[in-house]
All heavy atoms as atom14 arrays in JSON, in Angstrom:
{
  "sequence": "GTSKGSAAHYCIGNMETKDATFRVYIYLEKVAEDFK",
  "atom14_mask": [
    [1, 1, 1, 1, 0, 0, 0, 0, 0, 0, 0, 0, 0, 0],
    [1, 1, 1, 1, 1, 1, 1, 0, 0, 0, 0, 0, 0, 0],
    [1, 1, 1, 1, 1, 1, 0, 0, 0, 0, 0, 0, 0, 0],
    [1, 1, 1, 1, 1, 1, 1, 1, 1, 0, 0, 0, 0, 0],
    [1, 1, 1, 1, 0, 0, 0, 0, 0, 0, 0, 0, 0, 0],
    [1, 1, 1, 1, 1, 1, 0, 0, 0, 0, 0, 0, 0, 0],
    [1, 1, 1, 1, 1, 0, 0, 0, 0, 0, 0, 0, 0, 0],
    [1, 1, 1, 1, 1, 0, 0, 0, 0, 0, 0, 0, 0, 0],
    [1, 1, 1, 1, 1, 1, 1, 1, 1, 1, 0, 0, 0, 0],
    [1, 1, 1, 1, 1, 1, 1, 1, 1, 1, 1, 1, 0, 0],
    [1, 1, 1, 1, 1, 1, 0, 0, 0, 0, 0, 0, 0, 0],
    [1, 1, 1, 1, 1, 1, 1, 1, 0, 0, 0, 0, 0, 0],
    [1, 1, 1, 1, 0, 0, 0, 0, 0, 0, 0, 0, 0, 0],
    [1, 1, 1, 1, 1, 1, 1, 1, 0, 0, 0, 0, 0, 0],
    [1, 1, 1, 1, 1, 1, 1, 1, 0, 0, 0, 0, 0, 0],
    [1, 1, 1, 1, 1, 1, 1, 1, 1, 0, 0, 0, 0, 0],
    [1, 1, 1, 1, 1, 1, 1, 0, 0, 0, 0, 0, 0, 0],
    [1, 1, 1, 1, 1, 1, 1, 1, 1, 0, 0, 0, 0, 0],
    [1, 1, 1, 1, 1, 1, 1, 1, 0, 0, 0, 0, 0, 0],
    [1, 1, 1, 1, 1, 0, 0, 0, 0, 0, 0, 0, 0, 0],
    [1, 1, 1, 1, 1, 1, 1, 0, 0, 0, 0, 0, 0, 0],
    [1, 1, 1, 1, 1, 1, 1, 1, 1, 1, 1, 0, 0, 0],
    [1, 1, 1, 1, 1, 1, 1, 1, 1, 1, 1, 0, 0, 0],
    [1, 1, 1, 1, 1, 1, 1, 0, 0, 0, 0, 0, 0, 0],
    [1, 1, 1, 1, 1, 1, 1, 1, 1, 1, 1, 1, 0, 0],
    [1, 1, 1, 1, 1, 1, 1, 1, 0, 0, 0, 0, 0, 0],
    [1, 1, 1, 1, 1, 1, 1, 1, 1, 1, 1, 1, 0, 0],
    [1, 1, 1, 1, 1, 1, 1, 1, 0, 0, 0, 0, 0, 0],
    [1, 1, 1, 1, 1, 1, 1, 1, 1, 0, 0, 0, 0, 0],
    [1, 1, 1, 1, 1, 1, 1, 1, 1, 0, 0, 0, 0, 0],
    [1, 1, 1, 1, 1, 1, 1, 0, 0, 0, 0, 0, 0, 0],
    [1, 1, 1, 1, 1, 0, 0, 0, 0, 0, 0, 0, 0, 0],
    [1, 1, 1, 1, 1, 1, 1, 1, 1, 0, 0, 0, 0, 0],
    [1, 1, 1, 1, 1, 1, 1, 1, 0, 0, 0, 0, 0, 0],
    [1, 1, 1, 1, 1, 1, 1, 1, 1, 1, 1, 0, 0, 0],
    [1, 1, 1, 1, 1, 1, 1, 1, 1, 0, 0, 0, 0, 0]
  ],
  "atom14_positions": [
    [[101.12, 101.35, 98.61], [101.54, 101.67, 97.25], [103.04, 101.72, 97.12], [103.78, 101.5, 98.08], [0.0, 0.0, 0.0], [0.0, 0.0, 0.0], [0.0, 0.0, 0.0], [0.0, 0.0, 0.0], [0.0, 0.0, 0.0], [0.0, 0.0, 0.0], [0.0, 0.0, 0.0], [0.0, 0.0, 0.0], [0.0, 0.0, 0.0], [0.0, 0.0, 0.0]],
    [[103.47, 102.05, 95.91], [104.88, 102.08, 95.55], [105.16, 103.35, 94.77], [104.31, 103.8, 94.01], [105.22, 100.86, 94.65], [104.81, 99.68, 95.32], [106.68, 100.78, 94.36], [0.0, 0.0, 0.0], [0.0, 0.0, 0.0], [0.0, 0.0, 0.0], [0.0, 0.0, 0.0], [0.0, 0.0, 0.0], [0.0, 0.0, 0.0], [0.0, 0.0, 0.0]],
    [[106.36, 103.91, 94.95], [106.75, 105.05, 94.14], [106.97, 104.6, 92.71], [107.08, 103.41, 92.43], [108.02, 105.69, 94.7], [109.12, 104.82, 94.51], [0.0, 0.0, 0.0], [0.0, 0.0, 0.0], [0.0, 0.0, 0.0], [0.0, 0.0, 0.0], [0.0, 0.0, 0.0], [0.0, 0.0, 0.0], [0.0, 0.0, 0.0], [0.0, 0.0, 0.0]],
    [[107.06, 105.55, 91.8], [107.21, 105.22, 90.38], [108.37, 104.28, 90.09], [108.24, 103.33, 89.36], [107.37, 106.5, 89.56], [106.08, 107.24, 89.38], [106.28, 108.42, 88.45], [104.96, 109.16, 88.3], [105.08, 110.28, 87.38], [0.0, 0.0, 0.0], [0.0, 0.0, 0.0], [0.0, 0.0, 0.0], [0.0, 0.0, 0.0], [0.0, 0.0, 0.0]],
    [[109.5, 104.54, 90.66], [110.66, 103.71, 90.39], [110.8, 102.53, 91.34], [111.81, 101.86, 91.35], [0.0, 0.0, 0.0], [0.0, 0.0, 0.0], [0.0, 0.0, 0.0], [0.0, 0.0, 0.0], [0.0, 0.0, 0.0], [0.0, 0.0, 0.0], [0.0, 0.0, 0.0], [0.0, 0.0, 0.0], [0.0, 0.0, 0.0], [0.0, 0.0, 0.0]],
    [[109.81, 102.28, 92.15], [109.81, 101.2, 93.15], [110.93, 101.37, 94.17], [111.34, 100.41, 94.81], [109.91, 99.83, 92.49], [108.78, 99.6, 91.7], [0.0, 0.0, 0.0], [0.0, 0.0, 0.0], [0.0, 0.0, 0.0], [0.0, 0.0, 0.0], [0.0, 0.0, 0.0], [0.0, 0.0, 0.0], [0.0, 0.0, 0.0], [0.0, 0.0, 0.0]],
    [[111.42, 102.6, 94.35], [112.46, 102.85, 95.34], [111.88, 103.13, 96.71], [112.62, 103.2, 97.69], [113.33, 104.03, 94.89], [0.0, 0.0, 0.0], [0.0, 0.0, 0.0], [0.0, 0.0, 0.0], [0.0, 0.0, 0.0], [0.0, 0.0, 0.0], [0.0, 0.0, 0.0], [0.0, 0.0, 0.0], [0.0, 0.0, 0.0], [0.0, 0.0, 0.0]],
    [[110.57, 103.29, 96.78], [109.92, 103.56, 98.07], [108.55, 102.9, 98.09], [107.9, 102.74, 97.05], [109.8, 105.05, 98.3], [0.0, 0.0, 0.0], [0.0, 0.0, 0.0], [0.0, 0.0, 0.0], [0.0, 0.0, 0.0], [0.0, 0.0, 0.0], [0.0, 0.0, 0.0], [0.0, 0.0, 0.0], [0.0, 0.0, 0.0], [0.0, 0.0, 0.0]],
    [[108.13, 102.51, 99.26], [106.81, 101.92, 99.48], [106.16, 102.68, 100.62], [106.84, 103.24, 101.48], [106.92, 100.44, 99.85], [107.46, 99.58, 98.78], [106.67, 99.02, 97.8], [108.72, 99.17, 98.51], [107.42, 98.31, 96.99], [108.67, 98.38, 97.4], [0.0, 0.0, 0.0], [0.0, 0.0, 0.0], [0.0, 0.0, 0.0], [0.0, 0.0, 0.0]],
    [[104.84, 102.64, 100.66], [104.13, 103.26, 101.78], [102.91, 102.42, 102.14], [102.42, 101.63, 101.34], [103.71, 104.7, 101.45], [102.72, 104.81, 100.33], [101.35, 104.79, 100.59], [103.15, 104.91, 99.01], [100.43, 104.88, 99.54], [102.24, 105.0, 97.98], [100.88, 104.99, 98.24], [99.97, 105.06, 97.22], [0.0, 0.0, 0.0], [0.0, 0.0, 0.0]],
    [[102.47, 102.62, 103.36], [101.28, 101.94, 103.86], [100.56, 102.92, 104.77], [101.2, 103.63, 105.55], [101.7, 100.69, 104.64], [100.32, 99.87, 105.48], [0.0, 0.0, 0.0], [0.0, 0.0, 0.0], [0.0, 0.0, 0.0], [0.0, 0.0, 0.0], [0.0, 0.0, 0.0], [0.0, 0.0, 0.0], [0.0, 0.0, 0.0], [0.0, 0.0, 0.0]],
    [[99.25, 102.96, 104.66], [98.43, 103.81, 105.51], [97.39, 102.9, 106.17], [96.81, 102.03, 105.52], [97.72, 104.9, 104.69], [98.75, 105.77, 103.96], [96.81, 105.75, 105.57], [98.16, 106.69, 102.91], [0.0, 0.0, 0.0], [0.0, 0.0, 0.0], [0.0, 0.0, 0.0], [0.0, 0.0, 0.0], [0.0, 0.0, 0.0], [0.0, 0.0, 0.0]],
    [[97.19, 103.11, 107.45], [96.22, 102.29, 108.17], [95.64, 103.02, 109.35], [96.04, 104.15, 109.67], [0.0, 0.0, 0.0], [0.0, 0.0, 0.0], [0.0, 0.0, 0.0], [0.0, 0.0, 0.0], [0.0, 0.0, 0.0], [0.0, 0.0, 0.0], [0.0, 0.0, 0.0], [0.0, 0.0, 0.0], [0.0, 0.0, 0.0], [0.0, 0.0, 0.0]],
    [[94.69, 102.38, 110.0], [94.04, 102.92, 111.19], [94.34, 102.03, 112.38], [94.15, 100.82, 112.31], [92.53, 103.01, 110.99], [92.16, 104.01, 109.92], [92.74, 105.08, 109.82], [91.21, 103.64, 109.09], [0.0, 0.0, 0.0], [0.0, 0.0, 0.0], [0.0, 0.0, 0.0], [0.0, 0.0, 0.0], [0.0, 0.0, 0.0], [0.0, 0.0, 0.0]],
    [[94.82, 102.66, 113.45], [95.1, 101.94, 114.68], [94.11, 102.39, 115.75], [94.01, 103.57, 116.06], [96.53, 102.24, 115.16], [96.94, 101.43, 116.38], [98.59, 101.83, 116.97], [98.23, 103.26, 117.97], [0.0, 0.0, 0.0], [0.0, 0.0, 0.0], [0.0, 0.0, 0.0], [0.0, 0.0, 0.0], [0.0, 0.0, 0.0], [0.0, 0.0, 0.0]],
    [[93.39, 101.43, 116.28], [92.41, 101.71, 117.34], [93.06, 101.42, 118.69], [93.74, 100.4, 118.86], [91.19, 100.8, 117.19], [90.37, 101.04, 115.95], [89.54, 102.3, 116.0], [89.15, 102.72, 117.1], [89.3, 102.86, 114.92], [0.0, 0.0, 0.0], [0.0, 0.0, 0.0], [0.0, 0.0, 0.0], [0.0, 0.0, 0.0], [0.0, 0.0, 0.0]],
    [[92.85, 102.33, 119.63], [93.26, 102.11, 121.02], [92.0, 102.25, 121.88], [90.93, 102.57, 121.36], [94.33, 103.12, 121.47], [93.74, 104.41, 121.59], [95.51, 103.16, 120.5], [0.0, 0.0, 0.0], [0.0, 0.0, 0.0], [0.0, 0.0, 0.0], [0.0, 0.0, 0.0], [0.0, 0.0, 0.0], [0.0, 0.0, 0.0], [0.0, 0.0, 0.0]],
    [[92.16, 102.07, 123.16], [91.01, 102.21, 124.07], [90.43, 103.61, 124.01], [89.21, 103.79, 124.04], [91.45, 101.87, 125.49], [90.37, 101.97, 126.52], [90.9, 101.66, 127.9], [89.85, 101.96, 128.94], [90.39, 101.95, 130.28], [0.0, 0.0, 0.0], [0.0, 0.0, 0.0], [0.0, 0.0, 0.0], [0.0, 0.0, 0.0], [0.0, 0.0, 0.0]],
    [[91.3, 104.62, 123.9], [90.85, 106.01, 124.01], [90.86, 106.81, 122.7], [90.33, 107.91, 122.69], [91.74, 106.74, 125.02], [91.66, 106.12, 126.4], [90.54, 105.78, 126.82], [92.72, 105.98, 127.04], [0.0, 0.0, 0.0], [0.0, 0.0, 0.0], [0.0, 0.0, 0.0], [0.0, 0.0, 0.0], [0.0, 0.0, 0.0], [0.0, 0.0, 0.0]],
    [[91.45, 106.28, 121.64], [91.59, 107.09, 120.43], [91.8, 106.21, 119.19], [92.09, 105.03, 119.3], [92.77, 108.05, 120.57], [0.0, 0.0, 0.0], [0.0, 0.0, 0.0], [0.0, 0.0, 0.0], [0.0, 0.0, 0.0], [0.0, 0.0, 0.0], [0.0, 0.0, 0.0], [0.0, 0.0, 0.0], [0.0, 0.0, 0.0], [0.0, 0.0, 0.0]],
    [[91.66, 106.86, 118.05], [92.0, 106.25, 116.77], [93.15, 107.06, 116.18], [93.13, 108.29, 116.21], [90.8, 106.28, 115.81], [89.73, 105.53, 116.39], [91.16, 105.68, 114.46], [0.0, 0.0, 0.0], [0.0, 0.0, 0.0], [0.0, 0.0, 0.0], [0.0, 0.0, 0.0], [0.0, 0.0, 0.0], [0.0, 0.0, 0.0], [0.0, 0.0, 0.0]],
    [[94.15, 106.35, 115.65], [95.29, 107.0, 115.03], [95.37, 106.57, 113.57], [95.21, 105.39, 113.26], [96.6, 106.61, 115.73], [96.73, 107.17, 117.11], [96.22, 106.48, 118.2], [97.37, 108.37, 117.32], [96.33, 106.98, 119.49], [97.5, 108.89, 118.6], [96.97, 108.2, 119.68], [0.0, 0.0, 0.0], [0.0, 0.0, 0.0], [0.0, 0.0, 0.0]],
    [[95.62, 107.53, 112.71], [95.92, 107.24, 111.31], [97.43, 107.02, 111.28], [98.19, 107.87, 111.76], [95.52, 108.43, 110.44], [95.66, 108.18, 108.98], [94.56, 107.26, 108.5], [94.32, 107.5, 107.09], [93.39, 106.91, 106.41], [92.57, 106.07, 107.01], [93.22, 107.13, 105.15], [0.0, 0.0, 0.0], [0.0, 0.0, 0.0], [0.0, 0.0, 0.0]],
    [[97.86, 105.89, 110.77], [99.28, 105.52, 110.77], [99.81, 105.55, 109.34], [99.21, 104.97, 108.44], [99.49, 104.12, 111.39], [100.97, 103.75, 111.41], [98.89, 104.04, 112.78], [0.0, 0.0, 0.0], [0.0, 0.0, 0.0], [0.0, 0.0, 0.0], [0.0, 0.0, 0.0], [0.0, 0.0, 0.0], [0.0, 0.0, 0.0], [0.0, 0.0, 0.0]],
    [[100.92, 106.25, 109.16], [101.59, 106.35, 107.87], [102.97, 105.73, 108.01], [103.75, 106.11, 108.87], [101.75, 107.81, 107.44], [100.45, 108.55, 107.31], [99.85, 109.17, 108.4], [99.8, 108.62, 106.08], [98.65, 109.85, 108.28], [98.59, 109.3, 105.95], [98.03, 109.91, 107.05], [96.84, 110.58, 106.93], [0.0, 0.0, 0.0], [0.0, 0.0, 0.0]],
    [[103.26, 104.78, 107.14], [104.56, 104.1, 107.14], [105.2, 104.34, 105.77], [104.6, 104.05, 104.74], [104.39, 102.58, 107.35], [103.56, 102.3, 108.6], [105.76, 101.89, 107.42], [103.01, 100.88, 108.65], [0.0, 0.0, 0.0], [0.0, 0.0, 0.0], [0.0, 0.0, 0.0], [0.0, 0.0, 0.0], [0.0, 0.0, 0.0], [0.0, 0.0, 0.0]],
    [[106.4, 104.89, 105.77], [107.12, 105.17, 104.54], [108.44, 104.4, 104.57], [109.23, 104.55, 105.51], [107.37, 106.67, 104.39], [108.13, 107.05, 103.15], [107.5, 107.09, 101.91], [109.48, 107.38, 103.22], [108.2, 107.44, 100.77], [110.18, 107.73, 102.08], [109.54, 107.76, 100.87], [110.24, 108.1, 99.73], [0.0, 0.0, 0.0], [0.0, 0.0, 0.0]],
    [[108.66, 103.57, 103.57], [109.87, 102.75, 103.5], [110.7, 103.13, 102.29], [110.14, 103.35, 101.2], [109.5, 101.26, 103.38], [108.66, 100.69, 104.5], [107.24, 100.5, 104.03], [109.22, 99.37, 104.95], [0.0, 0.0, 0.0], [0.0, 0.0, 0.0], [0.0, 0.0, 0.0], [0.0, 0.0, 0.0], [0.0, 0.0, 0.0], [0.0, 0.0, 0.0]],
    [[112.01, 103.2, 102.49], [112.94, 103.46, 101.38], [113.94, 102.32, 101.27], [114.25, 101.67, 102.27], [113.71, 104.76, 101.61], [112.92, 105.99, 101.33], [113.76, 107.26, 101.41], [114.83, 107.26, 102.06], [113.33, 108.24, 100.83], [0.0, 0.0, 0.0], [0.0, 0.0, 0.0], [0.0, 0.0, 0.0], [0.0, 0.0, 0.0], [0.0, 0.0, 0.0]],
    [[114.44, 102.15, 100.07], [115.42, 101.09, 99.84], [116.77, 101.49, 100.43], [117.29, 102.57, 100.15], [115.56, 100.82, 98.35], [116.3, 99.55, 98.05], [116.09, 99.1, 96.64], [116.63, 97.7, 96.5], [116.3, 97.12, 95.24], [0.0, 0.0, 0.0], [0.0, 0.0, 0.0], [0.0, 0.0, 0.0], [0.0, 0.0, 0.0], [0.0, 0.0, 0.0]],
    [[117.3, 100.61, 101.27], [118.61, 100.78, 101.88], [119.38, 99.51, 101.55], [119.03, 98.43, 102.02], [118.52, 100.97, 103.41], [119.9, 101.05, 104.03], [117.68, 102.18, 103.76], [0.0, 0.0, 0.0], [0.0, 0.0, 0.0], [0.0, 0.0, 0.0], [0.0, 0.0, 0.0], [0.0, 0.0, 0.0], [0.0, 0.0, 0.0], [0.0, 0.0, 0.0]],
    [[120.41, 99.65, 100.72], [121.16, 98.49, 100.21], [120.18, 97.58, 99.47], [119.57, 98.01, 98.52], [121.91, 97.78, 101.32], [0.0, 0.0, 0.0], [0.0, 0.0, 0.0], [0.0, 0.0, 0.0], [0.0, 0.0, 0.0], [0.0, 0.0, 0.0], [0.0, 0.0, 0.0], [0.0, 0.0, 0.0], [0.0, 0.0, 0.0], [0.0, 0.0, 0.0]],
    [[119.96, 96.37, 99.94], [119.07, 95.43, 99.26], [117.69, 95.32, 99.91], [116.84, 94.6, 99.42], [119.72, 94.04, 99.19], [120.99, 94.0, 98.37], [120.74, 94.4, 96.91], [119.77, 93.93, 96.3], [121.54, 95.21, 96.39], [0.0, 0.0, 0.0], [0.0, 0.0, 0.0], [0.0, 0.0, 0.0], [0.0, 0.0, 0.0], [0.0, 0.0, 0.0]],
    [[117.51, 96.0, 101.03], [116.25, 95.89, 101.77], [115.51, 97.21, 101.81], [116.1, 98.27, 101.6], [116.52, 95.45, 103.22], [117.09, 94.06, 103.31], [116.66, 93.19, 102.54], [117.97, 93.84, 104.17], [0.0, 0.0, 0.0], [0.0, 0.0, 0.0], [0.0, 0.0, 0.0], [0.0, 0.0, 0.0], [0.0, 0.0, 0.0], [0.0, 0.0, 0.0]],
    [[114.24, 97.15, 102.13], [113.45, 98.35, 102.39], [113.37, 98.54, 103.89], [113.11, 97.59, 104.63], [112.05, 98.24, 101.79], [112.04, 98.45, 100.31], [112.24, 97.4, 99.45], [111.86, 99.71, 99.79], [112.24, 97.58, 98.08], [111.86, 99.92, 98.41], [112.06, 98.86, 97.56], [0.0, 0.0, 0.0], [0.0, 0.0, 0.0], [0.0, 0.0, 0.0]],
    [[113.64, 99.75, 104.35], [113.63, 100.08, 105.77], [112.66, 101.23, 106.01], [112.49, 102.12, 105.16], [115.03, 100.49, 106.25], [116.06, 99.39, 106.13], [115.78, 98.26, 107.08], [116.84, 97.18, 107.02], [116.56, 96.09, 107.92], [0.0, 0.0, 0.0], [0.0, 0.0, 0.0], [0.0, 0.0, 0.0], [0.0, 0.0, 0.0], [0.0, 0.0, 0.0]]
  ]
}
C-alpha cells in the first residue's frame, strides 16, 4: 500500500525458511527522488 500523500509505501509478506515462518514488513520513505 501507499500512505495518503504517497510519501511512503509498505509491503507485507511471508518468508518461509527450513525451520520457521517470518512475517516481513517493509516500510519505504521518499528520500530525494527515490523511495528507500
